[in-house]
Amino acid sequence: MKNYKIDLHIHTNVNPHAFSTLEENISAASKKGMEVIAITNHGPALQDTPHWWHLVNIAILPNEIEGVRVIKGVEANILNENGKLDINQKIYENMELVLAGFHVVDEYGNIDDIEKNTQAILSLIKKQKADIIVHLGNPIFPVDYEKIVKAAKENNVALEVNNTSLGTITRVGSKKNCKKMLELAKKERCYIALGTDAHYSSHIGEFQRAIELLEEIDYPEELIINSSRETFDKFLKLRQELRTKEVNS
């Protein structure tokens, strides 16, 4: 089993349902020999999010701490079928990496409409406002995976395999959907990102369930953006060139 050294979905305890500080996360990553981690706290539509100034001010962090490249990111919430995100322009401009996905937030409304959910993701992808679409396997947000995978391929947006979603606590029932998404993505040769969605420092870099699924499908290594620093850096550069300048244009 490959040991991936890049984790692109990590929370700190400024989101109160997470349990480790920024320094604890970086220290744990350094001890594990991680090369790159992305700090991706939630956007403000969720109740546990800090003031937006905190998200903006992540830009002050050094690029490398304790030998680990620290990517400044956010996990934004999708608010409607037009692909509107819950982050303002200042947050957006300061982010090296924008993750976006569905959470149950009041503004979004009905979550079990497959056409609405699919259109929301398609709008987001086609407008080039997010680099990685996260935890799409969540069964409470049904989507058309074939349409989404094709759009992601055409627009060089990565789809996440969320290791936490494949367990027995959060977004239970995601594995079947993730497998379907990956089978379609393999045919289209779509970028895939691995994320632990770590809410505790020891979980950083623990991708076992996601890796088992990738190996089962024999997903091409060169399309997994975590597979090497070179692959990730190339993807990040590409996304910086493609991402639109206005977050909610």
C-alpha atoms as a PDB file:
ATOM      1  CA  MET A   1       0.000   0.000   0.000  1.00  0.00           C
ATOM      2  CA  LYS A   2       1.424   3.362  -1.060  1.00  0.00           C
ATOM      3  CA  ASN A   3       2.253   5.833   1.681  1.00  0.00           C
ATOM      4  CA  TYR A   4       0.957   9.224   0.539  1.00  0.00           C
ATOM      5  CA  LYS A   5       2.769  12.232   2.028  1.00  0.00           C
ATOM      6  CA  ILE A   6       0.318  14.950   0.964  1.00  0.00           C
ATOM      7  CA  ASP A   7      -2.938  15.573   2.850  1.00  0.00           C
ATOM      8  CA  LEU A   8      -5.228  18.229   1.377  1.00  0.00           C
ATOM      9  CA  HIS A   9      -8.140  18.340   3.848  1.00  0.00           C
ATOM     10  CA  ILE A  10      -7.351  19.124   7.493  1.00  0.00           C
ATOM     11  CA  HIS A  11      -9.197  21.086  10.193  1.00  0.00           C
ATOM     12  CA  THR A  12      -7.929  22.848  13.304  1.00  0.00           C
ATOM     13  CA  ASN A  13      -9.821  23.530  16.502  1.00  0.00           C
ATOM     14  CA  VAL A  14     -10.896  26.993  15.416  1.00  0.00           C
ATOM     15  CA  ASN A  15     -13.707  24.796  14.105  1.00  0.00           C
ATOM     16  CA  PRO A  16     -14.866  23.662  17.581  1.00  0.00           C
ATOM     17  CA  HIS A  17     -15.824  20.175  16.427  1.00  0.00           C
ATOM     18  CA  ALA A  18     -12.116  19.575  15.661  1.00  0.00           C
ATOM     19  CA  PHE A  19      -9.695  18.865  18.483  1.00  0.00           C
ATOM     20  CA  SER A  20      -6.147  19.885  17.529  1.00  0.00           C
ATOM     21  CA  THR A  21      -4.445  23.246  17.195  1.00  0.00           C
ATOM     22  CA  LEU A  22      -2.596  24.395  14.100  1.00  0.00           C
ATOM     23  CA  GLU A  23       0.740  23.759  15.806  1.00  0.00           C
ATOM     24  CA  GLU A  24      -0.332  20.281  16.940  1.00  0.00           C
ATOM     25  CA  ASN A  25      -1.367  19.418  13.387  1.00  0.00           C
ATOM     26  CA  ILE A  26       1.885  20.659  11.899  1.00  0.00           C
ATOM     27  CA  SER A  27       3.962  18.883  14.535  1.00  0.00           C
ATOM     28  CA  ALA A  28       2.101  15.608  13.947  1.00  0.00           C
ATOM     29  CA  ALA A  29       2.528  15.972  10.184  1.00  0.00           C
ATOM     30  CA  SER A  30       6.244  16.662  10.571  1.00  0.00           C
ATOM     31  CA  LYS A  31       6.760  13.601  12.776  1.00  0.00           C
ATOM     32  CA  LYS A  32       4.981  11.447  10.187  1.00  0.00           C
ATOM     33  CA  GLY A  33       7.208  12.746   7.411  1.00  0.00           C
ATOM     34  CA  MET A  34       4.402  14.512   5.564  1.00  0.00           C
ATOM     35  CA  GLU A  35       5.585  16.736   2.734  1.00  0.00           C
ATOM     36  CA  VAL A  36       2.469  18.885   2.277  1.00  0.00           C
ATOM     37  CA  ILE A  37      -0.640  19.562   4.337  1.00  0.00           C
ATOM     38  CA  ALA A  38      -3.541  21.891   3.592  1.00  0.00           C
ATOM     39  CA  ILE A  39      -5.312  23.687   6.419  1.00  0.00           C
ATOM     40  CA  THR A  40      -8.922  23.883   5.247  1.00  0.00           C
ATOM     41  CA  ASN A  41     -11.248  25.175   7.944  1.00  0.00           C
ATOM     42  CA  HIS A  42     -14.941  25.616   7.220  1.00  0.00           C
ATOM     43  CA  GLY A  43     -16.505  28.605   5.526  1.00  0.00           C
ATOM     44  CA  PRO A  44     -18.835  30.842   7.556  1.00  0.00           C
ATOM     45  CA  ALA A  45     -22.181  29.242   6.666  1.00  0.00           C
ATOM     46  CA  LEU A  46     -21.571  26.598   9.336  1.00  0.00           C
ATOM     47  CA  GLN A  47     -22.140  27.514  12.968  1.00  0.00           C
ATOM     48  CA  ASP A  48     -18.717  26.377  14.141  1.00  0.00           C
ATOM     49  CA  THR A  49     -16.700  28.716  11.917  1.00  0.00           C
ATOM     50  CA  PRO A  50     -14.544  31.537  13.312  1.00  0.00           C
ATOM     51  CA  HIS A  51     -14.833  35.149  12.218  1.00  0.00           C
ATOM     52  CA  TRP A  52     -13.920  35.543   8.550  1.00  0.00           C
ATOM     53  CA  TRP A  53     -10.870  37.569   9.584  1.00  0.00           C
ATOM     54  CA  HIS A  54      -9.328  34.343  10.857  1.00  0.00           C
ATOM     55  CA  LEU A  55      -9.725  32.689   7.466  1.00  0.00           C
ATOM     56  CA  VAL A  56      -8.241  35.709   5.695  1.00  0.00           C
ATOM     57  CA  ASN A  57      -5.307  35.945   8.083  1.00  0.00           C
ATOM     58  CA  ILE A  58      -4.083  32.427   7.332  1.00  0.00           C
ATOM     59  CA  ALA A  59      -2.000  34.205   4.684  1.00  0.00           C
ATOM     60  CA  ILE A  60       0.492  35.246   7.399  1.00  0.00           C
ATOM     61  CA  LEU A  61       1.684  31.667   7.893  1.00  0.00           C
ATOM     62  CA  PRO A  62       5.091  30.758   6.495  1.00  0.00           C
ATOM     63  CA  ASN A  63       4.971  28.495   3.476  1.00  0.00           C
ATOM     64  CA  GLU A  64       7.025  25.886   5.299  1.00  0.00           C
ATOM     65  CA  ILE A  65       6.905  25.027   9.004  1.00  0.00           C
ATOM     66  CA  GLU A  66       8.906  22.204  10.644  1.00  0.00           C
ATOM     67  CA  GLY A  67       9.842  20.942   7.182  1.00  0.00           C
ATOM     68  CA  VAL A  68       6.215  20.711   6.026  1.00  0.00           C
ATOM     69  CA  ARG A  69       4.755  22.797   3.199  1.00  0.00           C
ATOM     70  CA  VAL A  70       1.607  24.340   4.679  1.00  0.00           C
ATOM     71  CA  ILE A  71      -1.045  25.175   2.090  1.00  0.00           C
ATOM     72  CA  LYS A  72      -3.500  27.939   3.038  1.00  0.00           C
ATOM     73  CA  GLY A  73      -6.981  26.734   2.208  1.00  0.00           C
ATOM     74  CA  VAL A  74     -10.656  26.727   3.047  1.00  0.00           C
ATOM     75  CA  GLU A  75     -13.525  24.260   2.847  1.00  0.00           C
ATOM     76  CA  ALA A  76     -16.281  26.457   1.462  1.00  0.00           C
ATOM     77  CA  ASN A  77     -19.970  25.598   1.531  1.00  0.00           C
ATOM     78  CA  ILE A  78     -22.137  25.502  -1.572  1.00  0.00           C
ATOM     79  CA  LEU A  79     -25.174  27.727  -1.047  1.00  0.00           C
ATOM     80  CA  ASN A  80     -27.295  27.332  -4.178  1.00  0.00           C
ATOM     81  CA  GLU A  81     -27.621  25.745  -7.602  1.00  0.00           C
ATOM     82  CA  ASN A  82     -25.666  28.597  -9.184  1.00  0.00           C
ATOM     83  CA  GLY A  83     -22.527  27.508  -7.390  1.00  0.00           C
ATOM     84  CA  LYS A  84     -22.474  30.385  -4.898  1.00  0.00           C
ATOM     85  CA  LEU A  85     -19.977  29.848  -2.078  1.00  0.00           C
ATOM     86  CA  ASP A  86     -20.127  31.167   1.481  1.00  0.00           C
ATOM     87  CA  ILE A  87     -16.763  32.943   1.380  1.00  0.00           C
ATOM     88  CA  ASN A  88     -16.183  36.592   0.588  1.00  0.00           C
ATOM     89  CA  GLN A  89     -13.677  38.005  -1.880  1.00  0.00           C
ATOM     90  CA  LYS A  90     -10.985  38.653   0.748  1.00  0.00           C
ATOM     91  CA  ILE A  91     -11.025  35.032   1.890  1.00  0.00           C
ATOM     92  CA  TYR A  92     -11.020  33.810  -1.694  1.00  0.00           C
ATOM     93  CA  GLU A  93      -8.042  35.952  -2.698  1.00  0.00           C
ATOM     94  CA  ASN A  94      -5.936  34.694   0.212  1.00  0.00           C
ATOM     95  CA  MET A  95      -6.474  31.000  -0.464  1.00  0.00           C
ATOM     96  CA  GLU A  96      -3.966  28.824  -2.258  1.00  0.00           C
ATOM     97  CA  LEU A  97      -6.494  25.996  -2.338  1.00  0.00           C
ATOM     98  CA  VAL A  98     -10.287  26.189  -2.361  1.00  0.00           C
ATOM     99  CA  LEU A  99     -12.199  23.078  -1.391  1.00  0.00           C
ATOM    100  CA  ALA A 100     -15.974  23.183  -1.787  1.00  0.00           C
ATOM    101  CA  GLY A 101     -18.770  20.821  -0.933  1.00  0.00           C
ATOM    102  CA  PHE A 102     -22.198  20.249   0.513  1.00  0.00           C
ATOM    103  CA  HIS A 103     -23.053  20.622   4.184  1.00  0.00           C
ATOM    104  CA  VAL A 104     -26.502  21.035   5.658  1.00  0.00           C
ATOM    105  CA  VAL A 105     -26.848  24.822   5.799  1.00  0.00           C
ATOM    106  CA  ASP A 106     -30.095  26.802   5.944  1.00  0.00           C
ATOM    107  CA  GLU A 107     -29.479  28.844   2.814  1.00  0.00           C
ATOM    108  CA  TYR A 108     -29.171  25.787   0.563  1.00  0.00           C
ATOM    109  CA  GLY A 109     -32.607  24.437   1.423  1.00  0.00           C
ATOM    110  CA  ASN A 110     -33.771  21.051   0.078  1.00  0.00           C
ATOM    111  CA  ILE A 111     -30.836  18.619  -0.039  1.00  0.00           C
ATOM    112  CA  ASP A 112     -32.407  15.552  -1.656  1.00  0.00           C
ATOM    113  CA  ASP A 113     -33.067  17.031  -5.112  1.00  0.00           C
ATOM    114  CA  ILE A 114     -30.612  15.284  -7.429  1.00  0.00           C
ATOM    115  CA  GLU A 115     -31.099  17.782 -10.264  1.00  0.00           C
ATOM    116  CA  LYS A 116     -30.541  20.785  -7.990  1.00  0.00           C
ATOM    117  CA  ASN A 117     -27.479  19.204  -6.343  1.00  0.00           C
ATOM    118  CA  THR A 118     -25.965  18.230  -9.684  1.00  0.00           C
ATOM    119  CA  GLN A 119     -26.541  21.685 -11.135  1.00  0.00           C
ATOM    120  CA  ALA A 120     -24.911  23.295  -8.090  1.00  0.00           C
ATOM    121  CA  ILE A 121     -21.730  21.244  -8.585  1.00  0.00           C
ATOM    122  CA  LEU A 122     -21.710  21.745 -12.358  1.00  0.00           C
ATOM    123  CA  SER A 123     -22.074  25.509 -11.967  1.00  0.00           C
ATOM    124  CA  LEU A 124     -19.230  25.602  -9.470  1.00  0.00           C
ATOM    125  CA  ILE A 125     -16.937  23.523 -11.674  1.00  0.00           C
ATOM    126  CA  LYS A 126     -17.682  25.380 -14.909  1.00  0.00           C
ATOM    127  CA  LYS A 127     -17.163  28.776 -13.272  1.00  0.00           C
ATOM    128  CA  GLN A 128     -13.721  27.601 -12.056  1.00  0.00           C
ATOM    129  CA  LYS A 129     -14.309  28.772  -8.474  1.00  0.00           C
ATOM    130  CA  ALA A 130     -13.100  25.648  -6.635  1.00  0.00           C
ATOM    131  CA  ASP A 131     -10.031  23.463  -7.025  1.00  0.00           C
ATOM    132  CA  ILE A 132     -11.342  20.320  -5.331  1.00  0.00           C
ATOM    133  CA  ILE A 133     -14.943  19.154  -4.835  1.00  0.00           C
ATOM    134  CA  VAL A 134     -15.106  17.313  -1.519  1.00  0.00           C
ATOM    135  CA  HIS A 135     -16.951  14.294  -0.093  1.00  0.00           C
ATOM    136  CA  LEU A 136     -19.268  13.815  -3.091  1.00  0.00           C
ATOM    137  CA  GLY A 137     -20.101  10.318  -1.912  1.00  0.00           C
ATOM    138  CA  ASN A 138     -22.414  11.610   0.824  1.00  0.00           C
ATOM    139  CA  PRO A 139     -25.713   9.774   0.199  1.00  0.00           C
ATOM    140  CA  ILE A 140     -27.879  12.540   1.683  1.00  0.00           C
ATOM    141  CA  PHE A 141     -26.859  14.780  -1.252  1.00  0.00           C
ATOM    142  CA  PRO A 142     -27.630  12.648  -4.349  1.00  0.00           C
ATOM    143  CA  VAL A 143     -25.918  13.749  -7.572  1.00  0.00           C
ATOM    144  CA  ASP A 144     -25.424  12.612 -11.158  1.00  0.00           C
ATOM    145  CA  TYR A 145     -21.831  11.352 -11.046  1.00  0.00           C
ATOM    146  CA  GLU A 146     -21.499  10.915 -14.789  1.00  0.00           C
ATOM    147  CA  LYS A 147     -22.248  14.588 -15.483  1.00  0.00           C
ATOM    148  CA  ILE A 148     -20.017  15.788 -12.666  1.00  0.00           C
ATOM    149  CA  VAL A 149     -17.042  13.635 -13.627  1.00  0.00           C
ATOM    150  CA  LYS A 150     -17.194  14.812 -17.240  1.00  0.00           C
ATOM    151  CA  ALA A 151     -17.341  18.455 -16.154  1.00  0.00           C
ATOM    152  CA  ALA A 152     -14.463  17.972 -13.711  1.00  0.00           C
ATOM    153  CA  LYS A 153     -12.337  16.437 -16.449  1.00  0.00           C
ATOM    154  CA  GLU A 154     -13.126  19.220 -18.929  1.00  0.00           C
ATOM    155  CA  ASN A 155     -12.290  21.933 -16.385  1.00  0.00           C
ATOM    156  CA  ASN A 156      -9.299  20.319 -14.625  1.00  0.00           C
ATOM    157  CA  VAL A 157     -11.014  20.254 -11.239  1.00  0.00           C
ATOM    158  CA  ALA A 158     -10.186  17.428  -8.821  1.00  0.00           C
ATOM    159  CA  LEU A 159     -12.751  15.221  -7.093  1.00  0.00           C
ATOM    160  CA  GLU A 160     -11.975  14.124  -3.549  1.00  0.00           C
ATOM    161  CA  VAL A 161     -11.898  10.652  -2.078  1.00  0.00           C
ATOM    162  CA  ASN A 162     -12.588  11.485   1.558  1.00  0.00           C
ATOM    163  CA  ASN A 163     -11.124   8.867   3.879  1.00  0.00           C
ATOM    164  CA  THR A 164     -13.425   9.841   6.766  1.00  0.00           C
ATOM    165  CA  SER A 165     -16.506   9.313   4.581  1.00  0.00           C
ATOM    166  CA  LEU A 166     -15.497   5.677   4.077  1.00  0.00           C
ATOM    167  CA  GLY A 167     -15.708   4.899   7.797  1.00  0.00           C
ATOM    168  CA  THR A 168     -18.626   4.227  10.126  1.00  0.00           C
ATOM    169  CA  ILE A 169     -19.174   7.599  11.792  1.00  0.00           C
ATOM    170  CA  THR A 170     -19.484  10.397   9.224  1.00  0.00           C
ATOM    171  CA  ARG A 171     -21.414  10.359   5.911  1.00  0.00           C
ATOM    172  CA  VAL A 172     -22.146   6.658   6.343  1.00  0.00           C
ATOM    173  CA  GLY A 173     -23.004   4.940   3.083  1.00  0.00           C
ATOM    174  CA  SER A 174     -20.524   6.899   0.955  1.00  0.00           C
ATOM    175  CA  LYS A 175     -18.357   3.992  -0.174  1.00  0.00           C
ATOM    176  CA  LYS A 176     -20.718   2.714  -2.871  1.00  0.00           C
ATOM    177  CA  ASN A 177     -21.048   6.204  -4.339  1.00  0.00           C
ATOM    178  CA  CYS A 178     -17.300   6.868  -4.154  1.00  0.00           C
ATOM    179  CA  LYS A 179     -16.603   3.645  -6.006  1.00  0.00           C
ATOM    180  CA  LYS A 180     -19.066   4.594  -8.741  1.00  0.00           C
ATOM    181  CA  MET A 181     -17.514   8.051  -9.012  1.00  0.00           C
ATOM    182  CA  LEU A 182     -14.012   6.602  -9.262  1.00  0.00           C
ATOM    183  CA  GLU A 183     -14.982   4.083 -11.939  1.00  0.00           C
ATOM    184  CA  LEU A 184     -16.375   6.914 -14.058  1.00  0.00           C
ATOM    185  CA  ALA A 185     -13.393   9.141 -13.270  1.00  0.00           C
ATOM    186  CA  LYS A 186     -10.960   6.445 -14.368  1.00  0.00           C
ATOM    187  CA  LYS A 187     -12.666   6.242 -17.770  1.00  0.00           C
ATOM    188  CA  GLU A 188     -12.541  10.020 -18.183  1.00  0.00           C
ATOM    189  CA  ARG A 189      -9.026  10.314 -16.690  1.00  0.00           C
ATOM    190  CA  CYS A 190     -10.116  12.842 -14.104  1.00  0.00           C
ATOM    191  CA  TYR A 191      -7.938  14.278 -11.327  1.00  0.00           C
ATOM    192  CA  ILE A 192      -8.511  12.730  -7.897  1.00  0.00           C
ATOM    193  CA  ALA A 193      -7.496  14.215  -4.537  1.00  0.00           C
ATOM    194  CA  LEU A 194      -7.111  12.347  -1.268  1.00  0.00           C
ATOM    195  CA  GLY A 195      -8.197  14.022   1.940  1.00  0.00           C
ATOM    196  CA  THR A 196      -8.316  12.622   5.440  1.00  0.00           C
ATOM    197  CA  ASP A 197     -10.708  15.351   6.610  1.00  0.00           C
ATOM    198  CA  ALA A 198      -8.686  15.094   9.816  1.00  0.00           C
ATOM    199  CA  HIS A 199     -10.276  16.648  12.889  1.00  0.00           C
ATOM    200  CA  TYR A 200      -7.562  15.301  15.188  1.00  0.00           C
ATOM    201  CA  SER A 201      -3.831  15.487  14.582  1.00  0.00           C
ATOM    202  CA  SER A 202      -3.089  11.748  14.625  1.00  0.00           C
ATOM    203  CA  HIS A 203      -5.485  11.226  11.710  1.00  0.00           C
ATOM    204  CA  ILE A 204      -3.373  13.330   9.343  1.00  0.00           C
ATOM    205  CA  GLY A 205      -2.015  11.224   6.484  1.00  0.00           C
ATOM    206  CA  GLU A 206      -4.146   8.187   7.390  1.00  0.00           C
ATOM    207  CA  PHE A 207      -5.641   7.254   4.015  1.00  0.00           C
ATOM    208  CA  GLN A 208      -6.044   3.489   4.403  1.00  0.00           C
ATOM    209  CA  ARG A 209      -9.706   3.193   3.412  1.00  0.00           C
ATOM    210  CA  ALA A 210      -9.314   5.557   0.469  1.00  0.00           C
ATOM    211  CA  ILE A 211      -6.197   3.755  -0.755  1.00  0.00           C
ATOM    212  CA  GLU A 212      -7.948   0.384  -0.603  1.00  0.00           C
ATOM    213  CA  LEU A 213     -10.698   1.752  -2.831  1.00  0.00           C
ATOM    214  CA  LEU A 214      -8.217   3.267  -5.289  1.00  0.00           C
ATOM    215  CA  GLU A 215      -6.294  -0.001  -5.468  1.00  0.00           C
ATOM    216  CA  GLU A 216      -9.493  -1.969  -5.994  1.00  0.00           C
ATOM    217  CA  ILE A 217     -10.248   0.166  -9.042  1.00  0.00           C
ATOM    218  CA  ASP A 218      -6.572   0.392 -10.083  1.00  0.00           C
ATOM    219  CA  TYR A 219      -6.754   4.149 -10.371  1.00  0.00           C
ATOM    220  CA  PRO A 220      -3.908   5.689 -12.425  1.00  0.00           C
ATOM    221  CA  GLU A 221      -1.264   7.066 -10.083  1.00  0.00           C
ATOM    222  CA  GLU A 222      -0.483  10.041 -12.303  1.00  0.00           C
ATOM    223  CA  LEU A 223      -4.062  11.314 -11.861  1.00  0.00           C
ATOM    224  CA  ILE A 224      -3.917  11.271  -8.056  1.00  0.00           C
ATOM    225  CA  ILE A 225      -2.687  14.742  -7.167  1.00  0.00           C
ATOM    226  CA  ASN A 226      -1.322  13.537  -3.805  1.00  0.00           C
ATOM    227  CA  SER A 227       0.941  10.982  -5.464  1.00  0.00           C
ATOM    228  CA  SER A 228       4.040  13.209  -5.453  1.00  0.00           C
ATOM    229  CA  ARG A 229       5.130  16.742  -4.703  1.00  0.00           C
ATOM    230  CA  GLU A 230       5.790  17.272  -8.398  1.00  0.00           C
ATOM    231  CA  THR A 231       2.278  16.136  -9.346  1.00  0.00           C
ATOM    232  CA  PHE A 232       0.676  18.318  -6.682  1.00  0.00           C
ATOM    233  CA  ASP A 233       2.724  21.402  -7.548  1.00  0.00           C
ATOM    234  CA  LYS A 234       1.811  21.001 -11.210  1.00  0.00           C
ATOM    235  CA  PHE A 235      -1.883  20.730 -10.327  1.00  0.00           C
ATOM    236  CA  LEU A 236      -1.729  23.749  -8.010  1.00  0.00           C
ATOM    237  CA  LYS A 237      -0.070  25.861 -10.687  1.00  0.00           C
ATOM    238  CA  LEU A 238      -2.693  24.801 -13.214  1.00  0.00           C
ATOM    239  CA  ARG A 239      -5.514  25.679 -10.818  1.00  0.00           C
ATOM    240  CA  GLN A 240      -4.010  29.084 -10.049  1.00  0.00           C
ATOM    241  CA  GLU A 241      -4.104  29.818 -13.763  1.00  0.00           C
ATOM    242  CA  LEU A 242      -7.675  28.570 -14.227  1.00  0.00           C
ATOM    243  CA  ARG A 243      -9.428  29.788 -11.105  1.00  0.00           C
ATOM    244  CA  THR A 244     -11.672  32.790 -11.699  1.00  0.00           C
ATOM    245  CA  LYS A 245     -10.792  36.083  -9.994  1.00  0.00           C
ATOM    246  CA  GLU A 246     -14.241  36.712  -8.518  1.00  0.00           C
ATOM    247  CA  VAL A 247     -15.633  34.240  -6.027  1.00  0.00           C
ATOM    248  CA  ASN A 248     -19.338  34.834  -6.595  1.00  0.00           C
ATOM    249  CA  SER A 249     -19.418  36.319 -10.073  1.00  0.00           C
END
